[in-house]
Amino acid sequence: MSNAIEAEGLVKRFGETTALDGVDLTVETGAILGVLGPNGAGKTTAVRILATLQHPDAGTARVGGFDILREPVAVRRLIGLTGQYASVDEEMSGRDNLVLFGRLHDMSKRDARTRAKELLDRFELSDAAGRAVKTYSGGMRRRLDLAASLMGRPRVLYLDEPTTGLDPHSRNEVWDIVRRLTDDGVTVLLTTQYLEEADQLTDRITVFDHGRVVADGTSNELKRKIGGQTLQVRPSRWQDMDVVGQILLELTGRHANRDVDSRVLNTPVDDPLILSTVVSRIDQAGIDVDELGLRLPSLDEVFLAITGSKEGATA
């Protein structure tokens, strides 16, 4: 599979601050790449450079085979960009907003109206097409904003935290839309502050920290990188947590993380065969459990282990 985006050694400085410090980035055609990182990691700066909105101080990048510095106009013809906040005009109707974006893409009025109708139908906004955008819900505005970014039929779409501030139902709607985009061959680069979003939606994940790429791979590959699996035990009674914790300490040599409210104890293990021993010891102690098993680390745990940040994967 060919690559839609290829970047090598991207550097960007703002005064004495280095926002990007030699970033390499590759996105396969038709794939969804999730970009995670703590505040100030350089994610949005990378997107702005790949969208030709900023010039790098060093490094090269190609989008759709075109060089972002030597052929910026050709790159812009291929891409769409949706930022963290809707860019549509709230006083105009949804339909008029899309037609305006179409005209800005040098489409004829007739073609712009045809494309707008197609996208309004696709994004389930036809019933609200004639209403002012200020009457739309947050989810509807975000869907309209995504539709606007697709008016020019981009081959590469940059989504910079597209679901920020949306309720879970609206977020799921946007997820479904993004998944369907790849069915049309659109390549998506997605920055997100929701680790669950990256886990559920993306084909690969790249983690930024202090302007550098510190990890790259599928969600499961990243989870395996921090080693082993996590043993999770939920005693039926919270009074048994101390005994279970002692059993886990004796068998793993590690103090288990405890959540008293949910009665869950978690501890990393390197040998999955230890599960049968834990089952035996807990049974010998006469302890009933509601849950006992092995799982891969969560993406939250991976993010913390890789970046050392407790603030989450924000922009």
Protein backbone atom coordinates (compact mmCIF):
# COMPACT_ATOMS: atom_id res chain seq x y z
CA MET A 1 0.00 0.00 0.00
CA SER A 2 1.32 3.46 -0.93
CA ASN A 3 1.71 6.26 1.57
CA ALA A 4 -0.53 9.32 1.45
CA ILE A 5 1.65 11.26 3.91
CA GLU A 6 5.40 11.01 4.34
CA ALA A 7 7.30 13.37 6.63
CA GLU A 8 10.93 13.18 7.65
CA GLY A 9 12.89 15.20 10.17
CA LEU A 10 10.32 17.98 10.65
CA VAL A 11 11.60 20.77 12.88
CA LYS A 12 9.66 23.86 13.95
CA ARG A 13 10.79 26.47 16.45
CA PHE A 14 8.92 29.41 17.94
CA GLY A 15 11.60 31.59 19.48
CA GLU A 16 13.40 29.47 22.04
CA THR A 17 10.64 26.84 22.03
CA THR A 18 11.08 23.80 19.82
CA ALA A 19 7.60 22.59 18.88
CA LEU A 20 8.84 19.81 16.57
CA ASP A 21 12.24 18.22 16.99
CA GLY A 22 12.87 15.90 14.05
CA VAL A 23 9.47 14.31 13.55
CA ASP A 24 9.05 11.39 11.13
CA LEU A 25 5.49 10.50 10.16
CA THR A 26 3.97 8.07 7.67
CA VAL A 27 0.30 7.43 6.88
CA GLU A 28 -0.77 4.73 4.47
CA THR A 29 -3.35 5.59 1.83
CA GLY A 30 -6.87 4.92 3.09
CA ALA A 31 -5.79 4.49 6.71
CA ILE A 32 -6.69 6.41 9.87
CA LEU A 33 -3.69 7.54 11.90
CA GLY A 34 -4.29 8.73 15.44
CA VAL A 35 -1.86 11.28 16.86
CA LEU A 36 -1.70 11.49 20.65
CA GLY A 37 0.40 13.51 23.04
CA PRO A 38 0.24 15.75 26.11
CA ASN A 39 -0.29 19.51 25.90
CA GLY A 40 2.44 21.20 23.88
CA ALA A 41 3.66 17.93 22.34
CA GLY A 42 3.56 19.38 18.81
CA LYS A 43 0.55 17.60 17.32
CA THR A 44 -1.30 20.65 16.03
CA THR A 45 1.94 22.18 14.75
CA ALA A 46 2.56 19.03 12.70
CA VAL A 47 -0.96 19.20 11.25
CA ARG A 48 -0.54 22.86 10.32
CA ILE A 49 2.73 22.11 8.54
CA LEU A 50 1.26 19.16 6.63
CA ALA A 51 -1.67 21.40 5.65
CA THR A 52 0.81 24.04 4.31
CA LEU A 53 -0.38 26.59 6.89
CA GLN A 54 3.13 26.82 8.39
CA HIS A 55 6.61 26.19 7.03
CA PRO A 56 8.97 23.84 8.84
CA ASP A 57 12.40 25.14 9.79
CA ALA A 58 13.90 21.85 8.65
CA GLY A 59 12.78 18.54 7.23
CA THR A 60 10.66 17.44 4.29
CA ALA A 61 7.12 16.19 3.77
CA ARG A 62 5.03 14.96 0.89
CA VAL A 63 1.25 14.68 0.79
CA GLY A 64 -0.27 12.68 -2.03
CA GLY A 65 3.16 12.65 -3.64
CA PHE A 66 3.49 16.46 -3.63
CA ASP A 67 6.13 18.37 -1.69
CA ILE A 68 4.55 20.70 0.89
CA LEU A 69 7.12 23.45 0.23
CA ARG A 70 7.66 23.23 -3.52
CA GLU A 71 4.07 22.29 -4.46
CA PRO A 72 1.79 23.77 -1.77
CA VAL A 73 -1.06 24.56 -4.18
CA ALA A 74 -1.18 20.95 -5.36
CA VAL A 75 -1.20 19.78 -1.75
CA ARG A 76 -4.09 22.10 -0.87
CA ARG A 77 -6.15 20.65 -3.72
CA LEU A 78 -5.84 17.22 -2.12
CA ILE A 79 -6.59 17.98 1.52
CA GLY A 80 -9.42 18.93 3.83
CA LEU A 81 -9.02 20.29 7.35
CA THR A 82 -11.40 20.35 10.30
CA GLY A 83 -10.15 22.11 13.41
CA GLN A 84 -11.23 21.86 17.01
CA TYR A 85 -14.03 24.38 16.53
CA ALA A 86 -16.63 24.61 13.78
CA SER A 87 -15.64 26.98 10.99
CA VAL A 88 -19.11 27.43 9.51
CA ASP A 89 -21.11 30.68 9.58
CA GLU A 90 -23.83 30.43 12.24
CA GLU A 91 -26.07 33.03 10.61
CA MET A 92 -26.22 31.13 7.31
CA SER A 93 -28.14 27.95 6.66
CA GLY A 94 -26.40 24.60 6.51
CA ARG A 95 -27.00 24.40 2.78
CA ASP A 96 -25.66 27.89 2.09
CA ASN A 97 -22.55 27.17 4.13
CA LEU A 98 -21.75 24.13 2.02
CA VAL A 99 -22.44 25.94 -1.23
CA LEU A 100 -20.10 28.71 -0.12
CA PHE A 101 -17.33 26.21 0.58
CA GLY A 102 -17.96 24.65 -2.81
CA ARG A 103 -17.63 27.99 -4.55
CA LEU A 104 -14.35 28.58 -2.68
CA HIS A 105 -13.19 25.33 -4.26
CA ASP A 106 -13.90 26.85 -7.71
CA MET A 107 -17.01 24.73 -8.20
CA SER A 108 -19.83 26.09 -10.32
CA LYS A 109 -22.97 27.10 -8.43
CA ARG A 110 -24.81 24.12 -9.86
CA ASP A 111 -22.06 21.65 -8.93
CA ALA A 112 -21.75 23.19 -5.46
CA ARG A 113 -25.48 22.77 -4.84
CA THR A 114 -25.39 19.17 -6.08
CA ARG A 115 -22.43 18.32 -3.88
CA ALA A 116 -24.02 20.11 -0.89
CA LYS A 117 -27.23 18.07 -1.27
CA GLU A 118 -25.21 14.87 -1.47
CA LEU A 119 -23.33 15.65 1.74
CA LEU A 120 -26.41 16.90 3.60
CA ASP A 121 -28.09 13.58 2.82
CA ARG A 122 -25.03 11.60 3.79
CA PHE A 123 -24.59 13.40 7.10
CA GLU A 124 -28.33 13.23 7.89
CA LEU A 125 -28.75 17.01 7.82
CA SER A 126 -31.25 17.33 4.97
CA ASP A 127 -34.17 18.17 7.25
CA ALA A 128 -32.17 21.06 8.77
CA ALA A 129 -30.55 22.19 5.52
CA GLY A 130 -32.53 25.46 5.33
CA ARG A 131 -32.14 26.40 8.99
CA ALA A 132 -29.56 28.81 10.36
CA VAL A 133 -26.61 26.93 11.83
CA LYS A 134 -27.06 28.75 15.14
CA THR A 135 -30.14 26.57 15.69
CA TYR A 136 -28.10 23.36 15.29
CA SER A 137 -27.01 21.15 18.16
CA GLY A 138 -23.29 20.66 18.82
CA GLY A 139 -23.29 17.31 17.07
CA MET A 140 -25.09 18.74 14.03
CA ARG A 141 -22.60 21.60 13.77
CA ARG A 142 -19.69 19.19 13.91
CA ARG A 143 -21.26 17.02 11.19
CA LEU A 144 -21.79 20.12 9.04
CA ASP A 145 -18.19 21.16 9.62
CA LEU A 146 -17.01 17.74 8.48
CA ALA A 147 -19.26 17.99 5.45
CA ALA A 148 -17.73 21.37 4.60
CA SER A 149 -14.24 19.88 4.72
CA LEU A 150 -15.37 17.25 2.19
CA MET A 151 -16.89 19.62 -0.35
CA GLY A 152 -13.70 19.57 -2.43
CA ARG A 153 -13.54 15.74 -2.35
CA PRO A 154 -10.20 15.61 -0.51
CA ARG A 155 -8.02 12.55 -0.66
CA VAL A 156 -6.41 13.41 2.68
CA LEU A 157 -8.37 14.77 5.65
CA TYR A 158 -6.88 16.32 8.78
CA LEU A 159 -9.14 16.16 11.83
CA ASP A 160 -7.80 18.16 14.76
CA GLU A 161 -9.75 16.96 17.81
CA PRO A 162 -13.05 16.68 15.90
CA THR A 163 -15.14 15.47 18.85
CA THR A 164 -13.97 17.91 21.53
CA GLY A 165 -16.93 19.02 23.65
CA LEU A 166 -19.43 16.59 22.13
CA ASP A 167 -21.66 14.34 24.19
CA PRO A 168 -21.10 10.55 23.84
CA HIS A 169 -23.98 10.11 21.37
CA SER A 170 -22.72 12.88 19.07
CA ARG A 171 -19.18 11.56 19.38
CA ASN A 172 -20.31 8.13 18.22
CA GLU A 173 -22.03 9.72 15.24
CA VAL A 174 -18.78 11.42 14.23
CA TRP A 175 -16.90 8.15 14.69
CA ASP A 176 -19.27 6.41 12.28
CA ILE A 177 -18.74 9.18 9.73
CA VAL A 178 -14.97 8.97 9.98
CA ARG A 179 -15.05 5.19 9.56
CA ARG A 180 -17.14 5.55 6.41
CA LEU A 181 -14.67 8.03 4.93
CA THR A 182 -12.03 5.34 4.58
CA ASP A 183 -14.50 3.26 2.56
CA ASP A 184 -14.19 6.01 -0.06
CA GLY A 185 -10.40 5.80 0.05
CA VAL A 186 -9.91 8.97 2.12
CA THR A 187 -6.80 9.02 4.31
CA VAL A 188 -7.39 10.50 7.78
CA LEU A 189 -4.90 12.02 10.21
CA LEU A 190 -6.70 12.43 13.51
CA THR A 191 -5.48 14.22 16.62
CA THR A 192 -7.57 13.47 19.66
CA GLN A 193 -7.74 14.05 23.39
CA TYR A 194 -9.79 10.90 23.89
CA LEU A 195 -7.71 7.75 24.29
CA GLU A 196 -10.82 5.64 23.73
CA GLU A 197 -11.29 7.40 20.39
CA ALA A 198 -7.81 6.45 19.25
CA ASP A 199 -8.27 2.91 20.53
CA GLN A 200 -11.57 2.37 18.71
CA LEU A 201 -11.14 4.40 15.55
CA THR A 202 -7.56 4.36 14.27
CA ASP A 203 -5.49 1.84 12.34
CA ARG A 204 -2.25 3.08 13.86
CA ILE A 205 -1.27 5.48 16.63
CA THR A 206 1.69 7.85 16.82
CA VAL A 207 2.54 9.32 20.21
CA PHE A 208 4.20 12.75 20.41
CA ASP A 209 6.05 14.06 23.46
CA HIS A 210 8.17 17.23 23.66
CA GLY A 211 8.12 17.60 19.88
CA ARG A 212 9.29 14.09 19.11
CA VAL A 213 7.67 10.80 18.12
CA VAL A 214 8.14 8.53 21.12
CA ALA A 215 6.01 5.58 20.00
CA ASP A 216 4.26 4.30 16.90
CA GLY A 217 2.18 1.22 16.15
CA THR A 218 -1.25 -0.31 16.35
CA SER A 219 -3.11 -0.01 19.62
CA ASN A 220 -2.27 -3.61 20.55
CA GLU A 221 1.37 -3.20 19.54
CA LEU A 222 1.71 -0.18 21.82
CA LYS A 223 0.03 -2.06 24.65
CA ARG A 224 2.51 -4.91 24.28
CA LYS A 225 5.47 -2.52 24.24
CA ILE A 226 5.11 -1.70 27.92
CA GLY A 227 5.43 -5.39 28.70
CA GLY A 228 3.29 -8.31 29.73
CA GLN A 229 -0.34 -8.26 30.61
CA THR A 230 -2.44 -6.99 33.48
CA LEU A 231 -4.00 -9.37 35.99
CA GLN A 232 -7.34 -8.05 37.20
CA VAL A 233 -9.22 -9.40 40.24
CA ARG A 234 -12.53 -8.21 41.67
CA PRO A 235 -13.38 -9.87 45.02
CA SER A 236 -17.08 -10.25 45.76
CA ARG A 237 -16.57 -8.49 49.09
CA TRP A 238 -14.43 -5.43 49.62
CA GLN A 239 -13.32 -6.90 52.96
CA ASP A 240 -11.31 -9.49 51.01
CA MET A 241 -9.24 -6.92 49.11
CA ASP A 242 -6.36 -7.00 51.60
CA VAL A 243 -6.06 -10.78 51.41
CA VAL A 244 -6.20 -10.76 47.60
CA GLY A 245 -3.63 -7.96 47.52
CA GLN A 246 -1.29 -10.02 49.70
CA ILE A 247 -1.71 -13.07 47.46
CA LEU A 248 -0.87 -11.00 44.38
CA LEU A 249 2.16 -9.49 46.11
CA GLU A 250 3.51 -12.92 47.05
CA LEU A 251 3.01 -14.34 43.55
CA THR A 252 4.11 -11.34 41.45
CA GLY A 253 6.43 -9.43 43.75
CA ARG A 254 4.43 -6.26 43.01
CA HIS A 255 1.90 -4.27 44.99
CA ALA A 256 -1.40 -4.29 43.09
CA ASN A 257 -3.17 -1.05 42.20
CA ARG A 258 -6.46 -0.87 44.08
CA ASP A 259 -9.77 0.79 43.37
CA VAL A 260 -11.77 0.41 46.57
CA ASP A 261 -15.00 1.74 45.04
CA SER A 262 -15.05 -0.88 42.29
CA ARG A 263 -13.20 -3.52 44.37
CA VAL A 264 -10.75 -4.07 41.52
CA LEU A 265 -7.08 -4.93 41.97
CA ASN A 266 -4.73 -4.67 38.96
CA THR A 267 -1.12 -5.77 38.70
CA PRO A 268 1.20 -6.28 35.70
CA VAL A 269 2.37 -9.84 35.09
CA ASP A 270 5.02 -11.20 32.74
CA ASP A 271 3.94 -14.85 32.80
CA PRO A 272 0.30 -15.54 31.82
CA LEU A 273 0.58 -19.03 33.39
CA ILE A 274 0.46 -17.34 36.78
CA LEU A 275 -3.30 -17.05 36.36
CA SER A 276 -3.91 -20.67 37.33
CA THR A 277 -1.78 -20.24 40.46
CA VAL A 278 -3.72 -17.13 41.47
CA VAL A 279 -7.01 -18.99 40.98
CA SER A 280 -5.77 -21.82 43.18
CA ARG A 281 -4.54 -19.54 45.98
CA ILE A 282 -7.73 -17.49 46.02
CA ASP A 283 -9.80 -20.69 46.11
CA GLN A 284 -7.70 -22.04 49.00
CA ALA A 285 -8.34 -18.79 50.89
CA GLY A 286 -12.08 -19.30 50.46
CA ILE A 287 -12.55 -16.00 48.63
CA ASP A 288 -15.32 -15.51 46.10
CA VAL A 289 -14.56 -13.28 43.11
CA ASP A 290 -16.82 -11.58 40.56
CA GLU A 291 -14.03 -11.12 38.04
CA LEU A 292 -10.60 -12.62 37.48
CA GLY A 293 -8.59 -12.58 34.28
CA LEU A 294 -5.76 -11.25 32.15
CA ARG A 295 -5.96 -8.31 29.78
CA LEU A 296 -3.63 -6.15 27.77
CA PRO A 297 -2.83 -2.78 29.37
CA SER A 298 -5.32 -0.03 28.55
CA LEU A 299 -4.27 2.74 26.19
CA ASP A 300 -4.42 5.08 29.19
CA GLU A 301 -1.78 2.96 30.93
CA VAL A 302 0.32 2.89 27.76
CA PHE A 303 0.13 6.66 27.41
CA LEU A 304 1.20 7.17 31.02
CA ALA A 305 4.06 4.70 30.70
CA ILE A 306 5.36 6.23 27.45
CA THR A 307 5.03 9.92 28.22
CA GLY A 308 5.00 9.97 32.00
CA SER A 309 2.08 12.42 31.72
CA LYS A 310 -1.01 12.17 33.92
CA GLU A 311 -2.87 14.93 32.14
CA GLY A 312 -4.07 12.77 29.28
CA ALA A 313 -3.58 12.97 25.56
CA THR A 314 -4.61 16.55 24.92
CA ALA A 315 -3.72 18.95 22.16
